[in-house]
Amino acid sequence: MIEFKECEECYGWCCSDIAGHFGTPLHDDDVKRISEYLNISEKDFRVLYVMNVYGIEAIIPASPCPFWKNCACEIHEVKPRTCAGYFCGGYRV
């Protein structure tokens, strides 16, 4: 299970820094968790939010992330493993 640090509301360092030029890499379980949370099919999630980058699925590149709304991650509870592993100020996000 992924452990989440309480968000310190730093205005999106993780959401604007991770994506870079290639998007946020996704694992298969990320796609399943996020699509269920958004109440859409995995296929629809992939059509709306995912691109293939050198054989790796990633959330479409955007800065900030397309799920960053009103200074908060709208999928924080199920955010991708890549995001969960982001070090914010030396702490696990």
Foldseek 3Di string as FASTA:
>chain_A
DQDADPDPLPQAPLQQPQQPQPAHFADPVLLVQQCVVVVHDSVVCCVPFWDADPNTIHGPRDGRGPQCDPSDRVPRVRHGPSSQQDQDVNHGD
